[in-house]
Amino acid sequence: MNLFSIKNLTKEYGEGGAKVVALNKINLQIPESKFIVILGASGSGKSTLINMLGCMDTPTSGEIFFGDSEITNFSKKQMTDFRGKNIGFVFQSYNLLPDLTALENVEFSTELSGLSRGEAETALEMVGLTERFNHYPAELSGGEQQRVSIARAIAKNPKVLLCDEPTGALDFNTGILVLGVIKKIHKENKTSVLLITHNQEIAKIADIVITLRSGEVLSISENKSPLEPLEVTW
């Protein structure tokens, strides 16, 4: 079954001579329960596509289906409800609240989703931060802060995890650790993962690689034997 079906998806910014076509009539079938990397250089349309799939933005034209439900014409409230029930986001910037501990940062997110403190603790345990519950962001390394943001994203057990350059602000060793956490969540929770990156080596850990260039799909390939994060280097 497809997680997302995308038909003639177009996103334009600006008008006239200042118009920029970020996505140009994209057609994609994205299967569920897969680890998918969306690969491309800066300006290829990766983040724009993720924002469309996560109901953070609306297209200029075209259709997006989540399963059998079209999400393209949702109202703002419907978009918010959809994100809350189905989507977990992990960004390059950690976006943690500095005056809250790691546990409180995750709890804040779970409270908004109607979940419990126990679910926040379980999420932090899953990303290996059992000993960091009561530490503030300033007391955590970059990798630990990113793992808190991952815990915040997975606490509500989303159907899909959308990751926008999650290792972009990290050194190599820490980046590999974070990729390992995301891969673990994919395997153990059966969570669909869409991870965008410009790094071709990271694409080797994916089941499917979708390459974008200038707002269009350049290629779609399948890794028959995806590597583990510890097996890649850059």
C-alpha atoms as a PDB file:
ATOM      1  CA  MET A   1       0.000   0.000   0.000  1.00  0.00           C
ATOM      2  CA  ASN A   2       1.190   3.519  -0.749  1.00  0.00           C
ATOM      3  CA  LEU A   3       1.845   5.922   2.084  1.00  0.00           C
ATOM      4  CA  PHE A   4       1.654   8.930  -0.251  1.00  0.00           C
ATOM      5  CA  SER A   5       0.480   9.216  -3.840  1.00  0.00           C
ATOM      6  CA  ILE A   6       1.569  12.424  -5.551  1.00  0.00           C
ATOM      7  CA  LYS A   7       0.026  13.577  -8.820  1.00  0.00           C
ATOM      8  CA  ASN A   8       1.297  16.517 -10.919  1.00  0.00           C
ATOM      9  CA  LEU A   9       2.454  18.327  -7.775  1.00  0.00           C
ATOM     10  CA  THR A  10       3.600  21.887  -8.471  1.00  0.00           C
ATOM     11  CA  LYS A  11       4.727  24.611  -6.094  1.00  0.00           C
ATOM     12  CA  GLU A  12       5.535  28.119  -7.275  1.00  0.00           C
ATOM     13  CA  TYR A  13       6.707  31.127  -5.300  1.00  0.00           C
ATOM     14  CA  GLY A  14       6.449  34.728  -6.471  1.00  0.00           C
ATOM     15  CA  GLU A  15       4.953  36.067  -9.670  1.00  0.00           C
ATOM     16  CA  GLY A  16       6.033  37.205 -13.126  1.00  0.00           C
ATOM     17  CA  GLY A  17       9.762  37.527 -13.592  1.00  0.00           C
ATOM     18  CA  ALA A  18      10.340  36.761  -9.912  1.00  0.00           C
ATOM     19  CA  LYS A  19       8.469  33.446 -10.048  1.00  0.00           C
ATOM     20  CA  VAL A  20      10.385  30.406  -8.802  1.00  0.00           C
ATOM     21  CA  VAL A  21       9.154  26.889  -9.568  1.00  0.00           C
ATOM     22  CA  ALA A  22      10.198  24.828  -6.552  1.00  0.00           C
ATOM     23  CA  LEU A  23       8.368  21.682  -7.688  1.00  0.00           C
ATOM     24  CA  ASN A  24       7.361  21.047 -11.291  1.00  0.00           C
ATOM     25  CA  LYS A  25       4.553  18.512 -11.913  1.00  0.00           C
ATOM     26  CA  ILE A  26       5.992  15.785  -9.705  1.00  0.00           C
ATOM     27  CA  ASN A  27       4.437  12.307  -9.808  1.00  0.00           C
ATOM     28  CA  LEU A  28       5.440   9.785  -7.128  1.00  0.00           C
ATOM     29  CA  GLN A  29       4.188   6.682  -5.363  1.00  0.00           C
ATOM     30  CA  ILE A  30       5.744   6.418  -1.899  1.00  0.00           C
ATOM     31  CA  PRO A  31       5.184   3.001  -0.261  1.00  0.00           C
ATOM     32  CA  GLU A  32       4.536   2.698   3.445  1.00  0.00           C
ATOM     33  CA  SER A  33       6.856   1.142   6.049  1.00  0.00           C
ATOM     34  CA  LYS A  34       9.983   1.976   4.041  1.00  0.00           C
ATOM     35  CA  PHE A  35      13.105   3.987   4.830  1.00  0.00           C
ATOM     36  CA  ILE A  36      13.205   6.499   1.984  1.00  0.00           C
ATOM     37  CA  VAL A  37      15.893   9.068   1.277  1.00  0.00           C
ATOM     38  CA  ILE A  38      15.062  12.099  -0.846  1.00  0.00           C
ATOM     39  CA  LEU A  39      18.394  13.161  -2.310  1.00  0.00           C
ATOM     40  CA  GLY A  40      19.351  16.369  -4.044  1.00  0.00           C
ATOM     41  CA  ALA A  41      21.424  19.528  -3.993  1.00  0.00           C
ATOM     42  CA  SER A  42      20.302  22.738  -2.323  1.00  0.00           C
ATOM     43  CA  GLY A  43      17.404  24.204  -4.281  1.00  0.00           C
ATOM     44  CA  SER A  44      16.301  20.874  -5.761  1.00  0.00           C
ATOM     45  CA  GLY A  45      12.912  20.996  -4.012  1.00  0.00           C
ATOM     46  CA  LYS A  46      13.547  18.504  -1.192  1.00  0.00           C
ATOM     47  CA  SER A  47      12.326  20.643   1.709  1.00  0.00           C
ATOM     48  CA  THR A  48       9.411  21.968  -0.323  1.00  0.00           C
ATOM     49  CA  LEU A  49       8.269  18.404  -0.997  1.00  0.00           C
ATOM     50  CA  ILE A  50       8.580  17.413   2.673  1.00  0.00           C
ATOM     51  CA  ASN A  51       6.584  20.476   3.711  1.00  0.00           C
ATOM     52  CA  MET A  52       3.808  19.497   1.298  1.00  0.00           C
ATOM     53  CA  LEU A  53       3.689  15.910   2.541  1.00  0.00           C
ATOM     54  CA  GLY A  54       3.637  17.042   6.163  1.00  0.00           C
ATOM     55  CA  CYS A  55       0.850  19.585   5.594  1.00  0.00           C
ATOM     56  CA  MET A  56       3.152  22.456   6.500  1.00  0.00           C
ATOM     57  CA  ASP A  57       2.423  24.144   3.172  1.00  0.00           C
ATOM     58  CA  THR A  58      -0.035  23.853   0.300  1.00  0.00           C
ATOM     59  CA  PRO A  59       0.751  23.251  -3.383  1.00  0.00           C
ATOM     60  CA  THR A  60       0.058  25.602  -6.253  1.00  0.00           C
ATOM     61  CA  SER A  61      -1.546  22.716  -8.133  1.00  0.00           C
ATOM     62  CA  GLY A  62      -1.670  18.937  -8.140  1.00  0.00           C
ATOM     63  CA  GLU A  63      -2.828  16.346  -5.620  1.00  0.00           C
ATOM     64  CA  ILE A  64      -1.404  14.523  -2.615  1.00  0.00           C
ATOM     65  CA  PHE A  65      -3.114  11.445  -1.188  1.00  0.00           C
ATOM     66  CA  PHE A  66      -2.267   9.966   2.204  1.00  0.00           C
ATOM     67  CA  GLY A  67      -3.521   6.430   1.775  1.00  0.00           C
ATOM     68  CA  ASP A  68      -6.940   6.955   0.228  1.00  0.00           C
ATOM     69  CA  SER A  69      -7.460  10.467   1.623  1.00  0.00           C
ATOM     70  CA  GLU A  70      -6.629  13.573  -0.372  1.00  0.00           C
ATOM     71  CA  ILE A  71      -4.847  16.089   1.858  1.00  0.00           C
ATOM     72  CA  THR A  72      -4.172  18.813  -0.714  1.00  0.00           C
ATOM     73  CA  ASN A  73      -7.196  20.987   0.014  1.00  0.00           C
ATOM     74  CA  PHE A  74      -7.264  20.700   3.794  1.00  0.00           C
ATOM     75  CA  SER A  75      -8.240  23.716   5.870  1.00  0.00           C
ATOM     76  CA  LYS A  76      -5.681  25.019   8.387  1.00  0.00           C
ATOM     77  CA  LYS A  77      -7.432  23.108  11.178  1.00  0.00           C
ATOM     78  CA  GLN A  78      -7.466  19.917   9.123  1.00  0.00           C
ATOM     79  CA  MET A  79      -3.756  20.360   8.379  1.00  0.00           C
ATOM     80  CA  THR A  80      -3.012  20.791  12.089  1.00  0.00           C
ATOM     81  CA  ASP A  81      -5.068  17.725  13.003  1.00  0.00           C
ATOM     82  CA  PHE A  82      -3.391  15.672  10.274  1.00  0.00           C
ATOM     83  CA  ARG A  83       0.100  16.617  11.473  1.00  0.00           C
ATOM     84  CA  GLY A  84      -0.816  15.866  15.078  1.00  0.00           C
ATOM     85  CA  LYS A  85      -2.162  12.396  14.329  1.00  0.00           C
ATOM     86  CA  ASN A  86       0.189  11.170  11.628  1.00  0.00           C
ATOM     87  CA  ILE A  87       3.458  13.108  11.289  1.00  0.00           C
ATOM     88  CA  GLY A  88       6.632  13.389  13.326  1.00  0.00           C
ATOM     89  CA  PHE A  89       9.128  16.059  12.251  1.00  0.00           C
ATOM     90  CA  VAL A  90      12.896  16.142  12.786  1.00  0.00           C
ATOM     91  CA  PHE A  91      14.733  19.223  11.518  1.00  0.00           C
ATOM     92  CA  GLN A  92      18.371  20.242  11.198  1.00  0.00           C
ATOM     93  CA  SER A  93      17.806  22.739  14.012  1.00  0.00           C
ATOM     94  CA  TYR A  94      16.707  21.097  17.241  1.00  0.00           C
ATOM     95  CA  ASN A  95      14.086  23.720  18.225  1.00  0.00           C
ATOM     96  CA  LEU A  96      14.151  22.759  21.903  1.00  0.00           C
ATOM     97  CA  LEU A  97      12.755  25.087  24.552  1.00  0.00           C
ATOM     98  CA  PRO A  98      15.839  26.205  26.547  1.00  0.00           C
ATOM     99  CA  ASP A  99      14.063  26.564  29.898  1.00  0.00           C
ATOM    100  CA  LEU A 100      12.662  23.018  29.838  1.00  0.00           C
ATOM    101  CA  THR A 101      14.521  19.791  30.575  1.00  0.00           C
ATOM    102  CA  ALA A 102      14.801  17.037  28.000  1.00  0.00           C
ATOM    103  CA  LEU A 103      11.822  15.256  29.547  1.00  0.00           C
ATOM    104  CA  GLU A 104       9.793  18.454  29.781  1.00  0.00           C
ATOM    105  CA  ASN A 105      10.504  19.264  26.121  1.00  0.00           C
ATOM    106  CA  VAL A 106       9.091  15.891  25.087  1.00  0.00           C
ATOM    107  CA  GLU A 107       6.246  16.138  27.611  1.00  0.00           C
ATOM    108  CA  PHE A 108       5.259  19.520  26.199  1.00  0.00           C
ATOM    109  CA  SER A 109       4.839  17.918  22.793  1.00  0.00           C
ATOM    110  CA  THR A 110       2.959  14.908  24.149  1.00  0.00           C
ATOM    111  CA  GLU A 111       0.604  17.111  26.152  1.00  0.00           C
ATOM    112  CA  LEU A 112      -0.328  18.928  22.950  1.00  0.00           C
ATOM    113  CA  SER A 113      -1.109  15.521  21.447  1.00  0.00           C
ATOM    114  CA  GLY A 114      -2.997  14.277  24.521  1.00  0.00           C
ATOM    115  CA  LEU A 115      -0.371  11.696  25.494  1.00  0.00           C
ATOM    116  CA  SER A 116       1.078  10.821  28.905  1.00  0.00           C
ATOM    117  CA  ARG A 117       4.325  11.448  30.792  1.00  0.00           C
ATOM    118  CA  GLY A 118       5.080   7.747  30.492  1.00  0.00           C
ATOM    119  CA  GLU A 119       5.036   7.984  26.720  1.00  0.00           C
ATOM    120  CA  ALA A 120       7.531  10.862  26.875  1.00  0.00           C
ATOM    121  CA  GLU A 121       9.835   8.799  29.083  1.00  0.00           C
ATOM    122  CA  THR A 122       9.553   5.784  26.779  1.00  0.00           C
ATOM    123  CA  ALA A 123      10.485   7.909  23.766  1.00  0.00           C
ATOM    124  CA  LEU A 124      13.609   9.261  25.492  1.00  0.00           C
ATOM    125  CA  GLU A 125      14.584   5.767  26.561  1.00  0.00           C
ATOM    126  CA  MET A 126      14.268   4.573  22.974  1.00  0.00           C
ATOM    127  CA  VAL A 127      16.760   7.196  21.749  1.00  0.00           C
ATOM    128  CA  GLY A 128      19.197   6.288  24.536  1.00  0.00           C
ATOM    129  CA  LEU A 129      18.714   9.275  26.854  1.00  0.00           C
ATOM    130  CA  THR A 130      17.536   7.575  30.043  1.00  0.00           C
ATOM    131  CA  GLU A 131      20.264   9.342  32.027  1.00  0.00           C
ATOM    132  CA  ARG A 132      19.468  12.770  30.553  1.00  0.00           C
ATOM    133  CA  PHE A 133      15.804  13.233  31.537  1.00  0.00           C
ATOM    134  CA  ASN A 134      16.521  16.203  33.799  1.00  0.00           C
ATOM    135  CA  HIS A 135      19.199  17.958  31.733  1.00  0.00           C
ATOM    136  CA  TYR A 136      18.515  21.258  29.987  1.00  0.00           C
ATOM    137  CA  PRO A 137      19.399  21.757  26.308  1.00  0.00           C
ATOM    138  CA  ALA A 138      22.478  23.822  27.222  1.00  0.00           C
ATOM    139  CA  GLU A 139      23.736  20.823  29.213  1.00  0.00           C
ATOM    140  CA  LEU A 140      23.378  18.458  26.242  1.00  0.00           C
ATOM    141  CA  SER A 141      25.649  17.886  23.244  1.00  0.00           C
ATOM    142  CA  GLY A 142      24.377  18.583  19.740  1.00  0.00           C
ATOM    143  CA  GLY A 143      23.741  14.897  19.161  1.00  0.00           C
ATOM    144  CA  GLU A 144      21.856  14.581  22.439  1.00  0.00           C
ATOM    145  CA  GLN A 145      19.719  17.598  21.583  1.00  0.00           C
ATOM    146  CA  GLN A 146      18.897  16.066  18.210  1.00  0.00           C
ATOM    147  CA  ARG A 147      17.938  12.820  19.932  1.00  0.00           C
ATOM    148  CA  VAL A 148      15.592  14.776  22.213  1.00  0.00           C
ATOM    149  CA  SER A 149      13.990  16.258  19.101  1.00  0.00           C
ATOM    150  CA  ILE A 150      13.623  12.736  17.676  1.00  0.00           C
ATOM    151  CA  ALA A 151      12.051  11.551  20.931  1.00  0.00           C
ATOM    152  CA  ARG A 152       9.656  14.481  20.757  1.00  0.00           C
ATOM    153  CA  ALA A 153       8.720  13.462  17.203  1.00  0.00           C
ATOM    154  CA  ILE A 154       8.155   9.760  17.948  1.00  0.00           C
ATOM    155  CA  ALA A 155       6.425  10.057  21.344  1.00  0.00           C
ATOM    156  CA  LYS A 156       3.000  10.110  19.692  1.00  0.00           C
ATOM    157  CA  ASN A 157       3.931   7.049  17.568  1.00  0.00           C
ATOM    158  CA  PRO A 158       3.441   8.787  14.205  1.00  0.00           C
ATOM    159  CA  LYS A 159       2.790   6.845  11.028  1.00  0.00           C
ATOM    160  CA  VAL A 160       5.588   8.688   9.251  1.00  0.00           C
ATOM    161  CA  LEU A 161       8.756  10.460  10.364  1.00  0.00           C
ATOM    162  CA  LEU A 162       9.831  13.354   8.126  1.00  0.00           C
ATOM    163  CA  CYS A 163      13.500  14.230   8.638  1.00  0.00           C
ATOM    164  CA  ASP A 164      14.940  17.374   7.051  1.00  0.00           C
ATOM    165  CA  GLU A 165      18.775  17.153   6.989  1.00  0.00           C
ATOM    166  CA  PRO A 166      18.815  15.748  10.569  1.00  0.00           C
ATOM    167  CA  THR A 167      22.623  15.401  10.558  1.00  0.00           C
ATOM    168  CA  GLY A 168      23.336  18.740   8.887  1.00  0.00           C
ATOM    169  CA  ALA A 169      24.520  20.490  12.068  1.00  0.00           C
ATOM    170  CA  LEU A 170      26.424  17.487  13.445  1.00  0.00           C
ATOM    171  CA  ASP A 171      29.934  16.125  13.076  1.00  0.00           C
ATOM    172  CA  PHE A 172      30.406  12.780  11.328  1.00  0.00           C
ATOM    173  CA  ASN A 173      30.453  10.522  14.402  1.00  0.00           C
ATOM    174  CA  THR A 174      27.441  12.199  15.975  1.00  0.00           C
ATOM    175  CA  GLY A 175      25.608  12.170  12.659  1.00  0.00           C
ATOM    176  CA  ILE A 176      26.125   8.414  12.328  1.00  0.00           C
ATOM    177  CA  LEU A 177      24.757   7.973  15.863  1.00  0.00           C
ATOM    178  CA  VAL A 178      21.644   9.981  15.038  1.00  0.00           C
ATOM    179  CA  LEU A 179      21.089   8.038  11.797  1.00  0.00           C
ATOM    180  CA  GLY A 180      21.364   4.847  13.825  1.00  0.00           C
ATOM    181  CA  VAL A 181      18.615   6.073  16.153  1.00  0.00           C
ATOM    182  CA  ILE A 182      16.335   6.900  13.216  1.00  0.00           C
ATOM    183  CA  LYS A 183      17.005   3.504  11.603  1.00  0.00           C
ATOM    184  CA  LYS A 184      16.259   1.787  14.928  1.00  0.00           C
ATOM    185  CA  ILE A 185      12.911   3.566  15.182  1.00  0.00           C
ATOM    186  CA  HIS A 186      12.095   2.561  11.614  1.00  0.00           C
ATOM    187  CA  LYS A 187      12.826  -1.089  12.318  1.00  0.00           C
ATOM    188  CA  GLU A 188      11.347  -1.461  15.791  1.00  0.00           C
ATOM    189  CA  ASN A 189       8.250   0.727  15.405  1.00  0.00           C
ATOM    190  CA  LYS A 190       7.666  -0.027  11.715  1.00  0.00           C
ATOM    191  CA  THR A 191       7.571   3.738  11.195  1.00  0.00           C
ATOM    192  CA  SER A 192       7.778   5.009   7.630  1.00  0.00           C
ATOM    193  CA  VAL A 193      10.759   7.366   7.290  1.00  0.00           C
ATOM    194  CA  LEU A 194      11.343  10.046   4.655  1.00  0.00           C
ATOM    195  CA  LEU A 195      14.760  11.633   5.171  1.00  0.00           C
ATOM    196  CA  ILE A 196      16.067  14.392   2.964  1.00  0.00           C
ATOM    197  CA  THR A 197      19.772  14.980   2.451  1.00  0.00           C
ATOM    198  CA  HIS A 198      22.313  16.259  -0.062  1.00  0.00           C
ATOM    199  CA  ASN A 199      24.747  13.526   1.053  1.00  0.00           C
ATOM    200  CA  GLN A 200      24.943  10.595  -1.391  1.00  0.00           C
ATOM    201  CA  GLU A 201      26.602   8.366   1.209  1.00  0.00           C
ATOM    202  CA  ILE A 202      23.629   8.674   3.576  1.00  0.00           C
ATOM    203  CA  ALA A 203      21.390   7.509   0.721  1.00  0.00           C
ATOM    204  CA  LYS A 204      23.061   4.083   0.977  1.00  0.00           C
ATOM    205  CA  ILE A 205      21.129   3.285   4.186  1.00  0.00           C
ATOM    206  CA  ALA A 206      17.742   3.732   2.457  1.00  0.00           C
ATOM    207  CA  ASP A 207      15.396   1.137   0.997  1.00  0.00           C
ATOM    208  CA  ILE A 208      14.459   3.599  -1.757  1.00  0.00           C
ATOM    209  CA  VAL A 209      16.280   6.706  -3.014  1.00  0.00           C
ATOM    210  CA  ILE A 210      14.349   9.468  -4.783  1.00  0.00           C
ATOM    211  CA  THR A 211      16.671  11.986  -6.422  1.00  0.00           C
ATOM    212  CA  LEU A 212      15.393  15.483  -7.185  1.00  0.00           C
ATOM    213  CA  ARG A 213      16.969  18.112  -9.423  1.00  0.00           C
ATOM    214  CA  SER A 214      15.567  21.566 -10.155  1.00  0.00           C
ATOM    215  CA  GLY A 215      12.138  20.659  -8.779  1.00  0.00           C
ATOM    216  CA  GLU A 216      11.757  17.470 -10.805  1.00  0.00           C
ATOM    217  CA  VAL A 217      12.263  13.762 -10.141  1.00  0.00           C
ATOM    218  CA  LEU A 218      15.580  12.772 -11.690  1.00  0.00           C
ATOM    219  CA  SER A 219      15.542   9.109 -10.650  1.00  0.00           C
ATOM    220  CA  ILE A 220      14.050   6.524  -8.296  1.00  0.00           C
ATOM    221  CA  SER A 221      16.223   3.597  -7.255  1.00  0.00           C
ATOM    222  CA  GLU A 222      15.990   0.716  -4.819  1.00  0.00           C
ATOM    223  CA  ASN A 223      18.789  -0.477  -2.565  1.00  0.00           C
ATOM    224  CA  LYS A 224      18.479  -4.267  -2.463  1.00  0.00           C
ATOM    225  CA  SER A 225      20.939  -4.414   0.447  1.00  0.00           C
ATOM    226  CA  PRO A 226      20.739  -1.141   2.416  1.00  0.00           C
ATOM    227  CA  LEU A 227      23.759  -0.416   4.583  1.00  0.00           C
ATOM    228  CA  GLU A 228      23.631   0.170   8.310  1.00  0.00           C
ATOM    229  CA  PRO A 229      24.638   3.714   9.374  1.00  0.00           C
ATOM    230  CA  LEU A 230      27.894   2.421  10.881  1.00  0.00           C
ATOM    231  CA  GLU A 231      28.868   1.108   7.440  1.00  0.00           C
ATOM    232  CA  VAL A 232      28.829   4.470   5.691  1.00  0.00           C
ATOM    233  CA  THR A 233      31.382   7.269   5.763  1.00  0.00           C
ATOM    234  CA  TRP A 234      31.824  10.695   4.197  1.00  0.00           C
END
